[in-house]
Amino acid sequence: MAALLAAAPALGAEVTRVELHQREDVVLQHQRFVGNLRAQAQREGIIVRVPQLYVYFTDQSAAWHLHGFRRGFERELGLTYEHGRRERSMVRIDRLLERTVTPTGETYTAEDLPEADIYLLLYREAGCDECRLVESTVSNWLVGQDGLEAIWFDVWIDRHEAD
């Protein structure tokens, strides 16, 4: 029986998770932004509220954006991926990555991206219940995506209160 289990193909997507942090200067700059937050998050990558989920295809073209949490969003995500739908007015992945650093303070750029079928960037904060709901829903969706290679970036927004 063990040999059968070992020989069976893996179910679900192969997911590599990467931790990044929004640069502190970018967090401060975004907190000063006034205007339509939903539109600016999608078009310019202005992150004031979390969660924000950005999805890109293997060629780094923009696929889909989720602002906040809404039930059933995984169906829309699935249709977008299955049909290769492109989002025309969405921030480029390189712009998002240039605003981040690794936990050790190093930069991470689009040139550093390993090959994958799909790239997911989930902007989140510690203690954010909606962020956990988005994470759980995306994780469950990925389980149903046999053979998919995904790179998932957890992009933490570390807000520091003024003293």
Protein backbone atom coordinates (compact mmCIF):
# COMPACT_ATOMS: atom_id res chain seq x y z
CA MET A 1 0.00 0.00 0.00
CA ALA A 2 2.82 2.43 0.83
CA ALA A 3 4.33 1.88 -2.62
CA LEU A 4 1.01 2.79 -4.24
CA LEU A 5 0.76 6.00 -2.27
CA ALA A 6 4.31 6.99 -3.08
CA ALA A 7 3.76 6.32 -6.80
CA ALA A 8 0.51 8.29 -6.98
CA PRO A 9 0.80 11.76 -8.52
CA ALA A 10 0.67 14.66 -6.11
CA LEU A 11 -2.72 16.31 -5.86
CA GLY A 12 -3.12 20.03 -6.02
CA ALA A 13 -0.77 22.79 -6.97
CA GLU A 14 2.90 22.87 -6.12
CA VAL A 15 3.18 26.05 -4.08
CA THR A 16 6.33 27.89 -3.05
CA ARG A 17 5.70 30.56 -0.43
CA VAL A 18 7.93 33.60 -0.08
CA GLU A 19 7.81 36.15 2.74
CA LEU A 20 8.27 39.80 1.86
CA HIS A 21 7.62 43.06 3.69
CA GLN A 22 6.39 46.31 2.23
CA ARG A 23 9.21 48.84 2.67
CA GLU A 24 8.52 51.18 5.59
CA ASP A 25 8.86 54.33 3.45
CA VAL A 26 6.29 52.93 1.03
CA VAL A 27 3.85 52.11 3.87
CA LEU A 28 4.14 55.69 5.14
CA GLN A 29 3.72 57.13 1.64
CA HIS A 30 0.61 55.01 1.01
CA GLN A 31 -0.95 55.98 4.36
CA ARG A 32 -0.94 59.62 3.20
CA PHE A 33 -2.89 58.79 0.02
CA VAL A 34 -6.34 60.31 -0.38
CA GLY A 35 -8.72 59.17 -3.09
CA ASN A 36 -10.42 56.06 -4.46
CA LEU A 37 -8.48 53.38 -2.58
CA ARG A 38 -9.91 50.41 -4.48
CA ALA A 39 -9.04 51.84 -7.90
CA GLN A 40 -5.61 53.03 -6.81
CA ALA A 41 -4.81 49.65 -5.23
CA GLN A 42 -5.60 47.91 -8.52
CA ARG A 43 -4.00 50.39 -10.93
CA GLU A 44 -1.08 51.74 -8.93
CA GLY A 45 -0.53 49.25 -6.11
CA ILE A 46 -1.35 51.81 -3.41
CA ILE A 47 -1.91 49.58 -0.37
CA VAL A 48 -3.79 51.27 2.46
CA ARG A 49 -6.21 48.51 3.44
CA VAL A 50 -5.61 44.77 3.57
CA PRO A 51 -6.13 42.15 2.37
CA GLN A 52 -5.16 42.80 -1.22
CA LEU A 53 -4.57 39.85 -3.55
CA TYR A 54 -2.79 40.30 -6.88
CA VAL A 55 -2.56 37.45 -9.40
CA TYR A 56 -0.20 37.28 -12.38
CA PHE A 57 0.35 34.71 -15.12
CA THR A 58 3.61 32.94 -15.97
CA ASP A 59 4.60 35.77 -18.36
CA GLN A 60 4.09 38.24 -15.47
CA SER A 61 1.03 39.71 -17.15
CA ALA A 62 -1.71 40.99 -14.85
CA ALA A 63 -4.58 38.56 -14.31
CA TRP A 64 -6.75 39.54 -11.35
CA HIS A 65 -7.03 41.71 -8.25
CA LEU A 66 -9.08 41.25 -5.06
CA HIS A 67 -9.63 44.20 -2.72
CA GLY A 68 -10.73 42.94 0.70
CA PHE A 69 -12.61 39.67 1.09
CA ARG A 70 -15.82 38.53 -0.49
CA ARG A 71 -17.35 35.07 -0.36
CA GLY A 72 -17.05 33.00 -3.51
CA PHE A 73 -14.15 34.96 -5.00
CA GLU A 74 -12.31 31.71 -5.75
CA ARG A 75 -14.81 30.99 -8.56
CA GLU A 76 -13.83 34.25 -10.29
CA LEU A 77 -10.16 33.51 -9.67
CA GLY A 78 -10.59 30.04 -11.17
CA LEU A 79 -12.36 31.34 -14.27
CA THR A 80 -9.69 33.99 -14.74
CA TYR A 81 -6.94 31.37 -14.58
CA GLU A 82 -8.73 28.73 -16.69
CA HIS A 83 -9.55 31.17 -19.48
CA GLY A 84 -6.32 33.15 -19.36
CA ARG A 85 -8.17 36.41 -18.82
CA ARG A 86 -5.92 39.44 -18.60
CA GLU A 87 -6.55 42.54 -16.53
CA ARG A 88 -5.62 45.62 -18.55
CA SER A 89 -5.66 48.25 -15.84
CA MET A 90 -3.70 46.56 -13.08
CA VAL A 91 -0.34 47.44 -11.57
CA ARG A 92 2.63 45.50 -12.97
CA ILE A 93 4.24 42.89 -10.74
CA ASP A 94 7.66 44.54 -10.98
CA ARG A 95 6.25 47.75 -9.45
CA LEU A 96 4.85 45.81 -6.51
CA LEU A 97 8.06 43.87 -5.94
CA GLU A 98 10.31 46.95 -6.07
CA ARG A 99 8.43 48.26 -3.02
CA THR A 100 9.28 45.24 -0.90
CA VAL A 101 12.20 43.72 0.98
CA THR A 102 12.94 40.24 2.29
CA PRO A 103 12.87 39.61 6.06
CA THR A 104 16.64 40.25 6.04
CA GLY A 105 16.21 43.62 4.27
CA GLU A 106 17.31 42.56 0.78
CA THR A 107 15.51 43.69 -2.34
CA TYR A 108 13.40 41.30 -4.39
CA THR A 109 12.78 42.14 -8.05
CA ALA A 110 10.92 40.63 -10.99
CA GLU A 111 14.26 39.28 -12.22
CA ASP A 112 14.41 37.18 -9.03
CA LEU A 113 11.12 35.43 -9.81
CA PRO A 114 11.44 31.68 -10.31
CA GLU A 115 9.42 30.22 -13.15
CA ALA A 116 5.83 29.41 -12.28
CA ASP A 117 2.39 29.13 -13.87
CA ILE A 118 0.94 31.74 -11.55
CA TYR A 119 2.17 34.35 -9.07
CA LEU A 120 0.06 35.37 -6.09
CA LEU A 121 0.84 38.39 -3.92
CA LEU A 122 -1.25 38.57 -0.75
CA TYR A 123 -0.84 41.82 1.16
CA ARG A 124 -1.67 41.30 4.82
CA GLU A 125 -1.19 42.43 8.40
CA ALA A 126 -0.79 40.52 11.63
CA GLY A 127 -4.15 39.99 13.33
CA CYS A 128 -6.19 40.53 10.14
CA ASP A 129 -9.13 38.11 10.08
CA GLU A 130 -10.05 38.89 6.46
CA CYS A 131 -6.43 38.20 5.47
CA ARG A 132 -6.71 34.73 7.01
CA LEU A 133 -9.99 34.14 5.13
CA VAL A 134 -8.36 35.08 1.81
CA GLU A 135 -5.36 32.87 2.63
CA SER A 136 -7.58 29.91 3.50
CA THR A 137 -9.77 30.32 0.42
CA VAL A 138 -6.79 30.62 -1.95
CA SER A 139 -5.13 27.60 -0.29
CA ASN A 140 -8.28 25.54 -0.81
CA TRP A 141 -8.49 26.66 -4.45
CA LEU A 142 -4.86 25.66 -5.03
CA VAL A 143 -5.53 22.15 -3.66
CA GLY A 144 -7.87 21.64 -6.61
CA GLN A 145 -5.35 22.78 -9.22
CA ASP A 146 -3.43 19.62 -10.14
CA GLY A 147 -0.10 20.25 -11.80
CA LEU A 148 -0.13 24.02 -11.26
CA GLU A 149 3.13 25.62 -10.12
CA ALA A 150 2.47 28.68 -7.98
CA ILE A 151 4.68 31.21 -6.27
CA TRP A 152 2.81 32.77 -3.35
CA PHE A 153 4.17 35.97 -1.80
CA ASP A 154 2.98 36.89 1.67
CA VAL A 155 3.64 40.63 1.67
CA TRP A 156 3.41 41.92 5.21
CA ILE A 157 2.41 45.48 5.94
CA ASP A 158 4.19 46.41 9.16
CA ARG A 159 2.56 49.56 10.50
CA HIS A 160 4.39 51.38 13.25
CA GLU A 161 2.43 53.68 15.49
CA ALA A 162 3.91 57.14 16.03
CA ASP A 163 5.33 57.58 19.52
